[in-house]
Amino acid sequence: MTTHLRDRKIAFIGAGSIAEALIKGMCSTGVAKAERIYVVNRSRRERLEFLARTYGVHGAALDHALDGADVVVLCPKPADMAQALADSARFSSPDALYVSVAAGCSIGWIEGALARVWRGLPRGAEGAAPPRVARTMPNTSCAVLESATGYAMGQNCTWQDTEMVHEMFGAVGTAYALDEEQMNAVTGLSGSGPAYVYYLVESLTQAGVAAGLDEDTAAALVVQTLVGAAAMLRFSAQSPTVLRERVTSPGGTTMAGIGALQELGFADSVREAVLRATRRAQEMGDELSRAPRDAHDAHDTQDPQDAR
Protein backbone atom coordinates (compact mmCIF):
# COMPACT_ATOMS: atom_id res chain seq x y z
CA MET A 1 0.00 0.00 0.00
CA THR A 2 1.33 3.41 -0.92
CA THR A 3 0.99 6.44 1.30
CA HIS A 4 1.40 8.84 -1.61
CA LEU A 5 4.49 10.89 -0.86
CA ARG A 6 3.45 12.89 -3.92
CA ASP A 7 0.71 14.44 -1.80
CA ARG A 8 3.01 15.32 1.11
CA LYS A 9 5.01 18.44 1.79
CA ILE A 10 8.63 17.42 2.31
CA ALA A 11 11.23 19.69 3.91
CA PHE A 12 14.95 18.96 3.57
CA ILE A 13 17.17 20.44 6.28
CA GLY A 14 20.54 20.56 4.57
CA ALA A 15 21.37 20.70 0.88
CA GLY A 16 24.38 18.44 0.54
CA SER A 17 25.04 15.49 -1.74
CA ILE A 18 22.65 13.06 -0.04
CA ALA A 19 19.84 15.62 -0.06
CA GLU A 20 20.40 16.28 -3.75
CA ALA A 21 20.59 12.57 -4.55
CA LEU A 22 17.29 11.92 -2.78
CA ILE A 23 15.62 14.89 -4.43
CA LYS A 24 16.85 13.83 -7.87
CA GLY A 25 15.76 10.24 -7.35
CA MET A 26 12.33 11.00 -5.94
CA CYS A 27 11.53 13.59 -8.57
CA SER A 28 12.79 11.50 -11.49
CA THR A 29 10.68 8.51 -10.43
CA GLY A 30 7.61 10.60 -9.66
CA VAL A 31 7.49 9.46 -6.04
CA ALA A 32 7.43 13.09 -4.93
CA LYS A 33 6.43 16.33 -6.60
CA ALA A 34 9.19 18.92 -6.95
CA GLU A 35 6.76 21.72 -6.13
CA ARG A 36 6.05 20.02 -2.78
CA ILE A 37 9.73 19.85 -1.80
CA TYR A 38 11.38 22.65 0.19
CA VAL A 39 15.10 22.85 0.94
CA VAL A 40 16.88 24.82 3.66
CA ASN A 41 20.62 25.41 3.84
CA ARG A 42 22.59 27.12 6.59
CA SER A 43 24.68 29.05 4.11
CA ARG A 44 25.55 29.12 0.39
CA ARG A 45 22.41 30.57 -1.10
CA GLU A 46 23.77 29.66 -4.53
CA ARG A 47 23.41 25.99 -3.57
CA LEU A 48 19.67 26.45 -3.02
CA GLU A 49 19.40 28.35 -6.29
CA PHE A 50 21.12 25.46 -8.08
CA LEU A 51 18.72 22.88 -6.63
CA ALA A 52 15.72 25.04 -7.46
CA ARG A 53 16.92 25.61 -11.02
CA THR A 54 17.89 21.99 -11.62
CA TYR A 55 15.03 20.10 -10.00
CA GLY A 56 12.23 22.64 -9.61
CA VAL A 57 12.18 22.47 -5.80
CA HIS A 58 11.89 25.48 -3.49
CA GLY A 59 14.87 27.01 -1.72
CA ALA A 60 13.25 28.47 1.36
CA ALA A 61 13.69 30.05 4.76
CA LEU A 62 13.38 27.60 7.65
CA ASP A 63 9.99 28.77 8.91
CA HIS A 64 8.44 28.67 5.43
CA ALA A 65 9.90 25.27 4.62
CA LEU A 66 8.63 23.68 7.84
CA ASP A 67 5.20 25.30 7.91
CA GLY A 68 2.82 22.41 7.32
CA ALA A 69 5.58 19.95 6.41
CA ASP A 70 4.49 16.31 6.62
CA VAL A 71 8.00 14.89 6.37
CA VAL A 72 11.19 16.56 7.60
CA VAL A 73 14.36 15.01 6.17
CA LEU A 74 17.33 15.81 8.40
CA CYS A 75 20.48 16.00 6.27
CA PRO A 76 23.03 18.06 8.24
CA LYS A 77 26.46 16.81 9.13
CA PRO A 78 26.29 14.82 12.39
CA ALA A 79 28.20 17.55 14.23
CA ASP A 80 25.56 20.09 13.14
CA MET A 81 22.55 17.92 14.00
CA ALA A 82 21.95 19.33 17.49
CA GLN A 83 21.74 22.89 16.18
CA ALA A 84 19.66 21.82 13.19
CA LEU A 85 17.15 20.12 15.49
CA ALA A 86 17.08 23.07 17.86
CA ASP A 87 16.34 25.48 15.05
CA SER A 88 13.93 23.23 13.17
CA ALA A 89 11.82 22.24 16.17
CA ARG A 90 10.75 25.86 16.66
CA PHE A 91 8.77 25.77 13.41
CA SER A 92 8.04 22.12 12.67
CA SER A 93 4.93 20.29 13.73
CA PRO A 94 5.00 17.49 16.32
CA ASP A 95 2.76 15.67 13.85
CA ALA A 96 5.50 15.49 11.20
CA LEU A 97 7.65 12.45 10.51
CA TYR A 98 11.36 13.15 11.00
CA VAL A 99 13.74 11.16 8.79
CA SER A 100 17.44 11.33 9.65
CA VAL A 101 20.19 10.43 7.20
CA ALA A 102 23.01 11.47 9.57
CA ALA A 103 25.57 8.88 10.62
CA GLY A 104 25.64 7.93 14.29
CA CYS A 105 22.58 9.90 15.41
CA SER A 106 20.32 7.54 17.34
CA ILE A 107 16.54 7.66 17.25
CA GLY A 108 16.34 8.21 21.00
CA TRP A 109 18.77 11.11 20.88
CA ILE A 110 16.81 12.83 18.10
CA GLU A 111 13.50 12.22 19.91
CA GLY A 112 14.91 13.75 23.08
CA ALA A 113 16.34 16.79 21.28
CA LEU A 114 13.00 17.55 19.62
CA ALA A 115 10.98 17.04 22.80
CA ARG A 116 13.24 19.34 24.83
CA VAL A 117 12.74 22.20 22.39
CA TRP A 118 8.99 21.67 22.18
CA ARG A 119 8.68 21.75 25.97
CA GLY A 120 10.34 25.15 26.03
CA LEU A 121 8.13 26.77 23.40
CA PRO A 122 5.25 29.08 24.37
CA ARG A 123 2.77 26.65 22.85
CA GLY A 124 4.27 23.92 25.01
CA ALA A 125 4.18 20.23 24.38
CA GLU A 126 1.13 19.39 26.44
CA GLY A 127 -1.06 17.01 24.53
CA ALA A 128 1.41 16.76 21.64
CA ALA A 129 2.22 13.33 20.27
CA PRO A 130 5.77 12.09 20.97
CA PRO A 131 8.28 12.61 18.14
CA ARG A 132 8.10 10.15 15.27
CA VAL A 133 11.63 9.52 14.03
CA ALA A 134 13.13 7.22 11.41
CA ARG A 135 16.87 6.64 11.18
CA THR A 136 18.21 5.84 7.72
CA MET A 137 21.53 5.33 6.01
CA PRO A 138 21.41 5.69 2.22
CA ASN A 139 24.41 6.29 0.03
CA THR A 140 25.07 8.71 -2.80
CA SER A 141 24.03 6.13 -5.39
CA CYS A 142 20.54 7.53 -4.74
CA ALA A 143 21.38 9.88 -7.61
CA VAL A 144 21.34 6.99 -10.09
CA LEU A 145 18.53 5.09 -8.33
CA GLU A 146 20.90 2.41 -7.04
CA SER A 147 21.28 3.19 -3.34
CA ALA A 148 21.46 0.44 -0.75
CA THR A 149 19.60 1.96 2.20
CA GLY A 150 19.06 0.55 5.67
CA TYR A 151 16.38 2.10 7.85
CA ALA A 152 15.03 1.71 11.37
CA MET A 153 11.77 3.13 12.70
CA GLY A 154 11.30 4.67 16.13
CA GLN A 155 8.79 3.17 18.53
CA ASN A 156 6.40 6.10 18.04
CA CYS A 157 6.19 5.62 14.27
CA THR A 158 3.07 4.28 12.60
CA TRP A 159 2.79 1.73 9.82
CA GLN A 160 2.06 4.65 7.49
CA ASP A 161 5.42 6.15 8.49
CA THR A 162 7.15 2.89 7.65
CA GLU A 163 5.42 2.80 4.27
CA MET A 164 6.53 6.37 3.52
CA VAL A 165 10.16 5.71 4.44
CA HIS A 166 10.22 2.52 2.39
CA GLU A 167 8.60 4.35 -0.51
CA MET A 168 11.06 7.23 -0.30
CA PHE A 169 14.21 5.12 -0.27
CA GLY A 170 12.81 2.33 -2.44
CA ALA A 171 12.40 4.95 -5.15
CA VAL A 172 16.14 5.56 -5.21
CA GLY A 173 17.38 1.99 -4.88
CA THR A 174 16.70 -0.86 -2.50
CA ALA A 175 15.57 -0.27 1.09
CA TYR A 176 16.04 -2.73 3.95
CA ALA A 177 14.12 -2.56 7.25
CA LEU A 178 16.52 -3.28 10.12
CA ASP A 179 16.83 -3.03 13.88
CA GLU A 180 18.48 0.19 15.00
CA GLU A 181 21.33 -1.79 16.58
CA GLN A 182 22.42 -2.68 13.06
CA MET A 183 22.49 0.85 11.69
CA ASN A 184 26.12 1.64 12.53
CA ALA A 185 27.16 -1.49 10.63
CA VAL A 186 25.08 -0.31 7.66
CA THR A 187 26.93 3.00 7.85
CA GLY A 188 30.31 1.27 7.82
CA LEU A 189 29.39 -1.10 5.00
CA SER A 190 27.02 0.43 2.45
CA GLY A 191 26.90 4.04 3.66
CA SER A 192 30.65 4.41 3.18
CA GLY A 193 30.82 1.59 0.62
CA PRO A 194 30.77 3.66 -2.57
CA ALA A 195 33.97 5.39 -1.45
CA TYR A 196 35.67 2.01 -1.03
CA VAL A 197 34.61 1.03 -4.54
CA TYR A 198 35.79 4.34 -6.01
CA TYR A 199 39.11 3.88 -4.24
CA LEU A 200 39.38 0.39 -5.73
CA VAL A 201 38.70 1.83 -9.20
CA GLU A 202 41.37 4.48 -8.65
CA SER A 203 43.86 1.82 -7.59
CA LEU A 204 43.04 -0.53 -10.46
CA THR A 205 43.35 2.31 -12.95
CA GLN A 206 46.74 3.30 -11.58
CA ALA A 207 47.81 -0.34 -11.72
CA GLY A 208 46.73 -0.54 -15.36
CA VAL A 209 48.86 2.49 -16.15
CA ALA A 210 51.80 0.92 -14.32
CA ALA A 211 51.30 -2.20 -16.45
CA GLY A 212 51.58 -0.16 -19.66
CA LEU A 213 48.10 1.15 -20.55
CA ASP A 214 47.24 4.80 -21.04
CA GLU A 215 45.05 6.23 -18.28
CA ASP A 216 41.86 6.64 -20.34
CA THR A 217 41.98 3.08 -21.61
CA ALA A 218 42.77 1.71 -18.16
CA ALA A 219 39.89 3.66 -16.60
CA ALA A 220 37.40 2.52 -19.25
CA LEU A 221 38.43 -1.12 -18.84
CA VAL A 222 38.15 -0.92 -15.05
CA VAL A 223 34.69 0.67 -15.06
CA GLN A 224 33.29 -1.81 -17.57
CA THR A 225 34.85 -4.68 -15.62
CA LEU A 226 33.14 -3.39 -12.49
CA VAL A 227 29.80 -3.04 -14.28
CA GLY A 228 30.07 -6.56 -15.66
CA ALA A 229 31.07 -8.09 -12.34
CA ALA A 230 28.19 -6.29 -10.57
CA ALA A 231 25.76 -7.62 -13.19
CA MET A 232 27.07 -11.15 -12.66
CA LEU A 233 26.57 -10.78 -8.92
CA ARG A 234 23.06 -9.42 -9.36
CA PHE A 235 21.77 -11.82 -12.02
CA SER A 236 23.74 -15.01 -11.42
CA ALA A 237 22.57 -17.61 -8.92
CA GLN A 238 26.19 -18.23 -7.94
CA SER A 239 27.82 -16.82 -4.82
CA PRO A 240 30.76 -14.38 -5.06
CA THR A 241 33.07 -17.17 -3.92
CA VAL A 242 31.92 -19.52 -6.70
CA LEU A 243 32.15 -16.75 -9.32
CA ARG A 244 35.68 -15.92 -8.20
CA GLU A 245 36.75 -19.56 -8.24
CA ARG A 246 35.38 -19.98 -11.77
CA VAL A 247 37.68 -17.21 -12.99
CA THR A 248 40.71 -18.41 -11.03
CA SER A 249 42.37 -21.24 -12.96
CA PRO A 250 45.21 -23.07 -11.18
CA GLY A 251 48.51 -21.60 -12.22
CA GLY A 252 46.84 -18.91 -14.31
CA THR A 253 47.02 -15.12 -14.39
CA THR A 254 44.07 -14.54 -12.06
CA MET A 255 45.52 -16.86 -9.44
CA ALA A 256 48.76 -14.88 -9.59
CA GLY A 257 46.84 -11.67 -8.98
CA ILE A 258 44.67 -13.11 -6.21
CA GLY A 259 47.80 -14.49 -4.59
CA ALA A 260 49.27 -11.00 -4.43
CA LEU A 261 46.06 -9.66 -2.82
CA GLN A 262 46.12 -12.44 -0.25
CA GLU A 263 49.78 -11.94 0.54
CA LEU A 264 49.24 -8.21 1.06
CA GLY A 265 46.19 -8.68 3.30
CA PHE A 266 43.43 -7.46 0.97
CA ALA A 267 40.57 -9.19 2.81
CA ASP A 268 41.86 -8.02 6.20
CA SER A 269 42.14 -4.45 4.92
CA VAL A 270 38.57 -4.45 3.64
CA ARG A 271 37.31 -5.95 6.88
CA GLU A 272 39.17 -3.37 8.93
CA ALA A 273 37.83 -0.52 6.77
CA VAL A 274 34.24 -1.58 7.43
CA LEU A 275 34.80 -2.19 11.13
CA ARG A 276 36.65 1.07 11.62
CA ALA A 277 33.89 3.03 9.86
CA THR A 278 31.31 1.20 11.99
CA ARG A 279 33.17 2.08 15.17
CA ARG A 280 33.45 5.69 14.06
CA ALA A 281 29.69 5.86 13.55
CA GLN A 282 29.23 4.60 17.11
CA GLU A 283 31.77 7.11 18.41
CA MET A 284 29.98 9.96 16.67
CA GLY A 285 26.74 8.94 18.36
CA ASP A 286 28.49 8.72 21.73
CA GLU A 287 29.99 12.18 21.24
CA LEU A 288 26.54 13.62 20.57
CA SER A 289 25.13 11.92 23.66
CA ARG A 290 27.89 13.35 25.85
CA ALA A 291 27.61 16.88 24.44
CA PRO A 292 25.90 19.52 26.61
CA ARG A 293 22.17 19.64 25.94
CA ASP A 294 22.01 23.38 25.50
CA ALA A 295 21.96 23.77 21.72
CA HIS A 296 18.23 24.50 21.86
CA ASP A 297 18.93 27.48 24.10
CA ALA A 298 21.30 29.03 21.55
CA HIS A 299 18.77 29.47 18.79
CA ASP A 300 17.69 32.94 19.86
CA THR A 301 20.90 34.35 18.40
CA GLN A 302 20.55 32.61 15.02
CA ASP A 303 18.67 33.61 11.94
CA PRO A 304 16.17 30.87 11.01
CA GLN A 305 17.44 31.00 7.44
CA ASP A 306 20.85 29.90 8.70
CA ALA A 307 19.61 26.57 10.05
CA ARG A 308 21.03 23.66 8.19
Foldseek 3Di string as FASTA:
>chain_A
DAPQQQPFQEEEQAQDLVNLLLLLLCQVLVSHPQDSYEYFALDDVVSQVVSCVPRVHHDDFLLVSQARGQEYEYDDELVQRLLLLLLNLVRHAQNHEYEYQYFQADPVNSQVSSQVNQCPDPVHCVPRQGHWYKYKHWASLLNVLAIEMEIETDPSDDVNVVSSVQSSNNSSHHYHYDHRVCHLLCCLDRNCPVVVVVVVLVVQLVVVVVVPDDSVVSSVVSVVVVVVVVCCCVPPPDHPVVVLVVVDDVPDDSVVVVVVCVVVVVVVVSVVSSVVSSVVSNVSNVVSVPDDSCSSVPCVPDRSSSND
